[in-house]
């Protein structure tokens, strides 16, 4: 799981980064609002840990941007703003959870795990969506109860699309950050995507021409797949 940590305090940021890394999470740590915006534009994240008081702006503006773009990316606010009014403002603005500083790292880890389960339907690294069941640790895939054998690249693409259902993932992002080895050869992604569609069946992966691919949480009215 990839976590975007937006925190300007060096000691706290480093402590959170190390604690999450020990849990097997990949952490991208930035200290400015602008860097957070750029990171979310150019890379994939599964969850955001967001400080509000940043050197170049208020973290709530990043949260507003995510919700305005209708991104389902879960956000956990980390802040010293502890009044009831501030907590309600954060939650009403679209945050999924709110943790007041100072906090115990054990509580943060517990809240992160709970938020991932709520947001992605995960329990023991299992993803489920529209009849597709994926167990990440064992790389086992079931489609409507039937096992499907996928290559490592096909599996990585399916997991990325399922974790970010309803969000279009660009070709560049998939080629450089999801495919093992970061291959950006002209037709490698197309070949893997075509094979993946054949194995899981048409109607799941939708092409957004000129942009990339998406799996919709709800089946489109006309599920042509391509």
C-alpha atoms as a PDB file:
ATOM      1  CA  UNK A   1       0.000   0.000   0.000  1.00  0.00           C
ATOM      2  CA  UNK A   2       1.282   3.455  -0.943  1.00  0.00           C
ATOM      3  CA  UNK A   3       0.724   6.297   1.520  1.00  0.00           C
ATOM      4  CA  UNK A   4       1.195   9.983   0.771  1.00  0.00           C
ATOM      5  CA  UNK A   5       2.299  11.731   3.975  1.00  0.00           C
ATOM      6  CA  UNK A   6       1.874  15.513   3.922  1.00  0.00           C
ATOM      7  CA  UNK A   7       3.600  16.835   7.049  1.00  0.00           C
ATOM      8  CA  UNK A   8       6.048  19.729   7.442  1.00  0.00           C
ATOM      9  CA  UNK A   9       7.379  18.792  10.902  1.00  0.00           C
ATOM     10  CA  UNK A  10      10.670  16.931  10.381  1.00  0.00           C
ATOM     11  CA  UNK A  11      10.641  14.849  13.565  1.00  0.00           C
ATOM     12  CA  UNK A  12       6.998  13.839  13.319  1.00  0.00           C
ATOM     13  CA  UNK A  13       7.165  13.177   9.591  1.00  0.00           C
ATOM     14  CA  UNK A  14      10.226  10.988   9.921  1.00  0.00           C
ATOM     15  CA  UNK A  15       8.691   9.074  12.821  1.00  0.00           C
ATOM     16  CA  UNK A  16       5.456   8.399  10.929  1.00  0.00           C
ATOM     17  CA  UNK A  17       7.370   7.421   7.797  1.00  0.00           C
ATOM     18  CA  UNK A  18       9.491   4.868   9.645  1.00  0.00           C
ATOM     19  CA  UNK A  19       6.531   3.459  11.602  1.00  0.00           C
ATOM     20  CA  UNK A  20       4.488   2.863   8.449  1.00  0.00           C
ATOM     21  CA  UNK A  21       7.483   1.483   6.557  1.00  0.00           C
ATOM     22  CA  UNK A  22       7.942  -1.104   9.311  1.00  0.00           C
ATOM     23  CA  UNK A  23       4.371  -2.230   8.576  1.00  0.00           C
ATOM     24  CA  UNK A  24       5.293  -2.860   4.941  1.00  0.00           C
ATOM     25  CA  UNK A  25       3.758   0.338   3.589  1.00  0.00           C
ATOM     26  CA  UNK A  26       5.426   2.467   0.934  1.00  0.00           C
ATOM     27  CA  UNK A  27       5.509   6.078   2.114  1.00  0.00           C
ATOM     28  CA  UNK A  28       5.993   9.191  -0.006  1.00  0.00           C
ATOM     29  CA  UNK A  29       6.666  12.114   2.335  1.00  0.00           C
ATOM     30  CA  UNK A  30       6.274  15.737   1.250  1.00  0.00           C
ATOM     31  CA  UNK A  31       6.310  18.884   3.369  1.00  0.00           C
ATOM     32  CA  UNK A  32       4.500  21.425   1.195  1.00  0.00           C
ATOM     33  CA  UNK A  33       1.002  21.681  -0.258  1.00  0.00           C
ATOM     34  CA  UNK A  34       2.321  22.253  -3.784  1.00  0.00           C
ATOM     35  CA  UNK A  35       4.447  19.107  -3.614  1.00  0.00           C
ATOM     36  CA  UNK A  36       1.438  17.111  -2.437  1.00  0.00           C
ATOM     37  CA  UNK A  37      -0.625  18.355  -5.388  1.00  0.00           C
ATOM     38  CA  UNK A  38       2.160  17.427  -7.808  1.00  0.00           C
ATOM     39  CA  UNK A  39       2.606  13.991  -6.269  1.00  0.00           C
ATOM     40  CA  UNK A  40      -1.093  13.174  -6.564  1.00  0.00           C
ATOM     41  CA  UNK A  41      -1.075  14.316 -10.193  1.00  0.00           C
ATOM     42  CA  UNK A  42       1.942  12.260 -11.214  1.00  0.00           C
ATOM     43  CA  UNK A  43       1.703   9.109  -9.099  1.00  0.00           C
ATOM     44  CA  UNK A  44      -0.608   6.613  -7.446  1.00  0.00           C
ATOM     45  CA  UNK A  45      -1.481   6.760  -3.743  1.00  0.00           C
ATOM     46  CA  UNK A  46      -3.851   4.568  -1.741  1.00  0.00           C
ATOM     47  CA  UNK A  47      -4.260   6.898   1.234  1.00  0.00           C
ATOM     48  CA  UNK A  48      -3.312  10.438   2.312  1.00  0.00           C
ATOM     49  CA  UNK A  49      -2.161  11.465   5.789  1.00  0.00           C
ATOM     50  CA  UNK A  50      -2.715  15.215   5.768  1.00  0.00           C
ATOM     51  CA  UNK A  51      -1.413  17.936   8.074  1.00  0.00           C
ATOM     52  CA  UNK A  52      -3.460  21.139   7.901  1.00  0.00           C
ATOM     53  CA  UNK A  53      -0.947  23.823   8.824  1.00  0.00           C
ATOM     54  CA  UNK A  54       1.518  23.726   5.924  1.00  0.00           C
ATOM     55  CA  UNK A  55       4.122  26.378   4.984  1.00  0.00           C
ATOM     56  CA  UNK A  56       2.423  27.261   1.688  1.00  0.00           C
ATOM     57  CA  UNK A  57      -1.248  26.859   2.560  1.00  0.00           C
ATOM     58  CA  UNK A  58      -3.968  25.033   4.444  1.00  0.00           C
ATOM     59  CA  UNK A  59      -4.276  21.280   3.952  1.00  0.00           C
ATOM     60  CA  UNK A  60      -8.041  21.678   3.706  1.00  0.00           C
ATOM     61  CA  UNK A  61      -7.537  23.148   0.222  1.00  0.00           C
ATOM     62  CA  UNK A  62      -5.965  19.853  -0.897  1.00  0.00           C
ATOM     63  CA  UNK A  63      -8.871  17.969   0.632  1.00  0.00           C
ATOM     64  CA  UNK A  64     -11.334  20.258  -1.165  1.00  0.00           C
ATOM     65  CA  UNK A  65      -9.516  19.619  -4.457  1.00  0.00           C
ATOM     66  CA  UNK A  66      -9.749  15.845  -4.036  1.00  0.00           C
ATOM     67  CA  UNK A  67     -13.461  15.933  -3.252  1.00  0.00           C
ATOM     68  CA  UNK A  68     -14.182  18.462  -6.006  1.00  0.00           C
ATOM     69  CA  UNK A  69     -12.571  16.052  -8.472  1.00  0.00           C
ATOM     70  CA  UNK A  70     -14.736  13.300  -6.945  1.00  0.00           C
ATOM     71  CA  UNK A  71     -11.692  11.199  -6.040  1.00  0.00           C
ATOM     72  CA  UNK A  72     -12.449   8.476  -3.500  1.00  0.00           C
ATOM     73  CA  UNK A  73      -8.921   8.586  -2.099  1.00  0.00           C
ATOM     74  CA  UNK A  74      -9.211   8.176   1.698  1.00  0.00           C
ATOM     75  CA  UNK A  75      -7.786  11.050   3.761  1.00  0.00           C
ATOM     76  CA  UNK A  76      -6.799  10.977   7.433  1.00  0.00           C
ATOM     77  CA  UNK A  77      -6.132  14.430   8.893  1.00  0.00           C
ATOM     78  CA  UNK A  78      -3.217  14.780  11.329  1.00  0.00           C
ATOM     79  CA  UNK A  79      -3.328  18.136  13.106  1.00  0.00           C
ATOM     80  CA  UNK A  80      -2.911  20.036  16.348  1.00  0.00           C
ATOM     81  CA  UNK A  81      -6.291  21.715  15.790  1.00  0.00           C
ATOM     82  CA  UNK A  82      -8.224  19.982  18.527  1.00  0.00           C
ATOM     83  CA  UNK A  83     -11.419  22.022  18.967  1.00  0.00           C
ATOM     84  CA  UNK A  84     -14.735  20.388  18.204  1.00  0.00           C
ATOM     85  CA  UNK A  85     -15.428  22.999  15.532  1.00  0.00           C
ATOM     86  CA  UNK A  86     -12.118  22.250  13.762  1.00  0.00           C
ATOM     87  CA  UNK A  87     -12.741  18.498  13.881  1.00  0.00           C
ATOM     88  CA  UNK A  88     -16.233  18.892  12.465  1.00  0.00           C
ATOM     89  CA  UNK A  89     -14.916  21.203   9.736  1.00  0.00           C
ATOM     90  CA  UNK A  90     -12.343  18.639   8.687  1.00  0.00           C
ATOM     91  CA  UNK A  91     -14.836  15.781   8.586  1.00  0.00           C
ATOM     92  CA  UNK A  92     -17.507  17.867   6.857  1.00  0.00           C
ATOM     93  CA  UNK A  93     -14.922  18.898   4.246  1.00  0.00           C
ATOM     94  CA  UNK A  94     -14.513  15.262   3.239  1.00  0.00           C
ATOM     95  CA  UNK A  95     -11.901  13.770   5.565  1.00  0.00           C
ATOM     96  CA  UNK A  96     -12.433  10.111   6.447  1.00  0.00           C
ATOM     97  CA  UNK A  97     -10.815  10.342   9.874  1.00  0.00           C
ATOM     98  CA  UNK A  98      -9.241  12.949  12.152  1.00  0.00           C
ATOM     99  CA  UNK A  99      -6.353  12.390  14.564  1.00  0.00           C
ATOM    100  CA  UNK A 100      -5.202  15.129  16.932  1.00  0.00           C
ATOM    101  CA  UNK A 101      -1.500  15.680  17.698  1.00  0.00           C
ATOM    102  CA  UNK A 102       0.250  14.477  19.706  1.00  0.00           C
ATOM    103  CA  UNK A 103      -0.777  10.899  19.052  1.00  0.00           C
ATOM    104  CA  UNK A 104       0.646   7.420  19.608  1.00  0.00           C
ATOM    105  CA  UNK A 105       2.088   5.808  16.486  1.00  0.00           C
ATOM    106  CA  UNK A 106       0.286   2.577  17.395  1.00  0.00           C
ATOM    107  CA  UNK A 107      -3.050   4.391  17.217  1.00  0.00           C
ATOM    108  CA  UNK A 108      -2.128   5.939  13.858  1.00  0.00           C
ATOM    109  CA  UNK A 109      -1.274   2.518  12.408  1.00  0.00           C
ATOM    110  CA  UNK A 110      -4.528   1.059  13.722  1.00  0.00           C
ATOM    111  CA  UNK A 111      -6.548   3.901  12.199  1.00  0.00           C
ATOM    112  CA  UNK A 112      -4.750   3.544   8.862  1.00  0.00           C
ATOM    113  CA  UNK A 113      -5.561  -0.161   8.710  1.00  0.00           C
ATOM    114  CA  UNK A 114      -9.194   0.455   9.604  1.00  0.00           C
ATOM    115  CA  UNK A 115      -9.500   3.199   6.999  1.00  0.00           C
ATOM    116  CA  UNK A 116      -8.046   0.975   4.281  1.00  0.00           C
ATOM    117  CA  UNK A 117     -10.512  -1.774   5.152  1.00  0.00           C
ATOM    118  CA  UNK A 118     -13.441   0.643   5.033  1.00  0.00           C
ATOM    119  CA  UNK A 119     -12.329   2.342   1.845  1.00  0.00           C
ATOM    120  CA  UNK A 120     -11.282  -0.631  -0.254  1.00  0.00           C
ATOM    121  CA  UNK A 121     -13.301  -3.471   1.235  1.00  0.00           C
ATOM    122  CA  UNK A 122     -10.045  -5.071   2.322  1.00  0.00           C
ATOM    123  CA  UNK A 123      -9.670  -7.666   5.031  1.00  0.00           C
ATOM    124  CA  UNK A 124      -6.389  -9.566   5.045  1.00  0.00           C
ATOM    125  CA  UNK A 125      -5.388  -7.937   1.739  1.00  0.00           C
ATOM    126  CA  UNK A 126      -8.506  -9.037  -0.154  1.00  0.00           C
ATOM    127  CA  UNK A 127     -10.201  -6.863  -2.781  1.00  0.00           C
ATOM    128  CA  UNK A 128     -13.722  -7.481  -4.036  1.00  0.00           C
ATOM    129  CA  UNK A 129     -15.547  -5.671  -6.805  1.00  0.00           C
ATOM    130  CA  UNK A 130     -18.356  -6.727  -9.158  1.00  0.00           C
ATOM    131  CA  UNK A 131     -17.680 -10.435  -8.787  1.00  0.00           C
ATOM    132  CA  UNK A 132     -13.895 -10.166  -8.913  1.00  0.00           C
ATOM    133  CA  UNK A 133     -12.066 -11.281  -5.763  1.00  0.00           C
ATOM    134  CA  UNK A 134      -8.320 -10.664  -5.455  1.00  0.00           C
ATOM    135  CA  UNK A 135      -6.096 -11.903  -2.628  1.00  0.00           C
ATOM    136  CA  UNK A 136      -2.932  -9.831  -2.822  1.00  0.00           C
ATOM    137  CA  UNK A 137      -0.620 -11.952  -0.685  1.00  0.00           C
ATOM    138  CA  UNK A 138      -1.270 -15.161  -2.593  1.00  0.00           C
ATOM    139  CA  UNK A 139      -1.956 -13.492  -5.983  1.00  0.00           C
ATOM    140  CA  UNK A 140      -5.162 -15.542  -6.180  1.00  0.00           C
ATOM    141  CA  UNK A 141      -7.922 -14.199  -8.440  1.00  0.00           C
ATOM    142  CA  UNK A 142     -11.518 -15.391  -8.600  1.00  0.00           C
ATOM    143  CA  UNK A 143     -14.038 -14.141 -11.145  1.00  0.00           C
ATOM    144  CA  UNK A 144     -17.591 -15.065 -10.159  1.00  0.00           C
ATOM    145  CA  UNK A 145     -16.126 -17.869  -8.061  1.00  0.00           C
ATOM    146  CA  UNK A 146     -13.903 -19.330 -10.788  1.00  0.00           C
ATOM    147  CA  UNK A 147     -10.093 -19.126 -10.408  1.00  0.00           C
ATOM    148  CA  UNK A 148      -8.186 -17.133 -13.032  1.00  0.00           C
ATOM    149  CA  UNK A 149      -4.443 -17.381 -13.613  1.00  0.00           C
ATOM    150  CA  UNK A 150      -2.755 -14.021 -14.237  1.00  0.00           C
ATOM    151  CA  UNK A 151       0.816 -13.079 -14.978  1.00  0.00           C
ATOM    152  CA  UNK A 152       2.624 -10.774 -12.561  1.00  0.00           C
ATOM    153  CA  UNK A 153       2.043  -7.771 -14.848  1.00  0.00           C
ATOM    154  CA  UNK A 154      -1.632  -8.570 -15.382  1.00  0.00           C
ATOM    155  CA  UNK A 155      -2.107  -8.986 -11.629  1.00  0.00           C
ATOM    156  CA  UNK A 156      -0.422  -5.643 -10.876  1.00  0.00           C
ATOM    157  CA  UNK A 157      -2.665  -3.862 -13.379  1.00  0.00           C
ATOM    158  CA  UNK A 158      -5.838  -5.457 -12.004  1.00  0.00           C
ATOM    159  CA  UNK A 159      -4.954  -4.571  -8.394  1.00  0.00           C
ATOM    160  CA  UNK A 160      -4.172  -0.950  -9.325  1.00  0.00           C
ATOM    161  CA  UNK A 161      -7.469  -0.543 -11.174  1.00  0.00           C
ATOM    162  CA  UNK A 162      -9.547  -2.218  -8.460  1.00  0.00           C
ATOM    163  CA  UNK A 163      -8.001  -0.172  -5.644  1.00  0.00           C
ATOM    164  CA  UNK A 164      -8.830   3.012  -7.517  1.00  0.00           C
ATOM    165  CA  UNK A 165     -12.216   2.033  -8.930  1.00  0.00           C
ATOM    166  CA  UNK A 166     -14.048   4.918 -10.650  1.00  0.00           C
ATOM    167  CA  UNK A 167     -10.731   6.747 -11.110  1.00  0.00           C
ATOM    168  CA  UNK A 168      -9.116   6.827 -14.551  1.00  0.00           C
ATOM    169  CA  UNK A 169      -5.462   5.765 -14.396  1.00  0.00           C
ATOM    170  CA  UNK A 170      -3.396   7.263 -17.188  1.00  0.00           C
ATOM    171  CA  UNK A 171      -1.332   5.177 -19.577  1.00  0.00           C
ATOM    172  CA  UNK A 172       1.843   6.875 -18.390  1.00  0.00           C
ATOM    173  CA  UNK A 173       1.107   6.141 -14.752  1.00  0.00           C
ATOM    174  CA  UNK A 174       0.336   2.487 -15.451  1.00  0.00           C
ATOM    175  CA  UNK A 175       3.405   2.048 -17.660  1.00  0.00           C
ATOM    176  CA  UNK A 176       5.875   3.737 -15.327  1.00  0.00           C
ATOM    177  CA  UNK A 177       4.577   2.947 -11.850  1.00  0.00           C
ATOM    178  CA  UNK A 178       2.363  -0.132 -11.970  1.00  0.00           C
ATOM    179  CA  UNK A 179       3.952  -2.472 -14.497  1.00  0.00           C
ATOM    180  CA  UNK A 180       6.880  -4.387 -12.944  1.00  0.00           C
ATOM    181  CA  UNK A 181      10.102  -2.792 -14.137  1.00  0.00           C
ATOM    182  CA  UNK A 182       8.378   0.439 -15.113  1.00  0.00           C
ATOM    183  CA  UNK A 183       8.221  -0.444 -18.794  1.00  0.00           C
ATOM    184  CA  UNK A 184       7.114   2.346 -21.114  1.00  0.00           C
ATOM    185  CA  UNK A 185       7.525   0.533 -24.417  1.00  0.00           C
ATOM    186  CA  UNK A 186       4.865   1.501 -26.942  1.00  0.00           C
ATOM    187  CA  UNK A 187       2.623  -1.576 -26.905  1.00  0.00           C
ATOM    188  CA  UNK A 188       3.543  -3.414 -23.702  1.00  0.00           C
ATOM    189  CA  UNK A 189       0.615  -1.970 -21.737  1.00  0.00           C
ATOM    190  CA  UNK A 190      -1.823  -2.707 -24.564  1.00  0.00           C
ATOM    191  CA  UNK A 191      -0.719  -6.339 -24.743  1.00  0.00           C
ATOM    192  CA  UNK A 192      -1.040  -6.878 -20.982  1.00  0.00           C
ATOM    193  CA  UNK A 193      -4.409  -5.112 -20.859  1.00  0.00           C
ATOM    194  CA  UNK A 194      -5.749  -7.160 -23.775  1.00  0.00           C
ATOM    195  CA  UNK A 195      -4.652 -10.413 -22.098  1.00  0.00           C
ATOM    196  CA  UNK A 196      -6.133  -9.290 -18.771  1.00  0.00           C
ATOM    197  CA  UNK A 197      -9.488  -8.540 -20.395  1.00  0.00           C
ATOM    198  CA  UNK A 198      -9.574 -11.932 -22.056  1.00  0.00           C
ATOM    199  CA  UNK A 199      -8.928 -13.686 -18.749  1.00  0.00           C
ATOM    200  CA  UNK A 200     -11.349 -11.804 -16.478  1.00  0.00           C
ATOM    201  CA  UNK A 201     -13.961 -11.215 -19.173  1.00  0.00           C
ATOM    202  CA  UNK A 202     -15.215  -8.173 -21.041  1.00  0.00           C
ATOM    203  CA  UNK A 203     -17.197  -5.446 -19.336  1.00  0.00           C
ATOM    204  CA  UNK A 204     -14.877  -4.770 -16.399  1.00  0.00           C
ATOM    205  CA  UNK A 205     -12.054  -2.596 -17.767  1.00  0.00           C
ATOM    206  CA  UNK A 206     -13.152   0.514 -19.650  1.00  0.00           C
ATOM    207  CA  UNK A 207     -10.859   2.425 -21.985  1.00  0.00           C
ATOM    208  CA  UNK A 208     -10.935   6.205 -21.784  1.00  0.00           C
ATOM    209  CA  UNK A 209      -9.520   7.013 -25.194  1.00  0.00           C
ATOM    210  CA  UNK A 210      -6.460   9.195 -25.169  1.00  0.00           C
ATOM    211  CA  UNK A 211      -6.200   9.005 -21.372  1.00  0.00           C
ATOM    212  CA  UNK A 212      -6.074   5.520 -19.859  1.00  0.00           C
ATOM    213  CA  UNK A 213      -8.197   2.852 -18.198  1.00  0.00           C
ATOM    214  CA  UNK A 214     -10.742   2.520 -15.381  1.00  0.00           C
ATOM    215  CA  UNK A 215     -12.854  -0.110 -13.621  1.00  0.00           C
ATOM    216  CA  UNK A 216     -16.245   1.312 -12.660  1.00  0.00           C
ATOM    217  CA  UNK A 217     -17.772   0.313  -9.336  1.00  0.00           C
ATOM    218  CA  UNK A 218     -21.110   0.000 -11.085  1.00  0.00           C
ATOM    219  CA  UNK A 219     -21.303  -1.796 -14.424  1.00  0.00           C
ATOM    220  CA  UNK A 220     -21.867   0.660 -17.298  1.00  0.00           C
ATOM    221  CA  UNK A 221     -25.247   0.481 -19.005  1.00  0.00           C
ATOM    222  CA  UNK A 222     -23.518  -0.891 -22.074  1.00  0.00           C
ATOM    223  CA  UNK A 223     -20.568  -2.998 -20.944  1.00  0.00           C
ATOM    224  CA  UNK A 224     -18.630  -3.356 -24.168  1.00  0.00           C
ATOM    225  CA  UNK A 225     -15.311  -3.432 -22.272  1.00  0.00           C
ATOM    226  CA  UNK A 226     -13.411  -1.790 -25.136  1.00  0.00           C
END
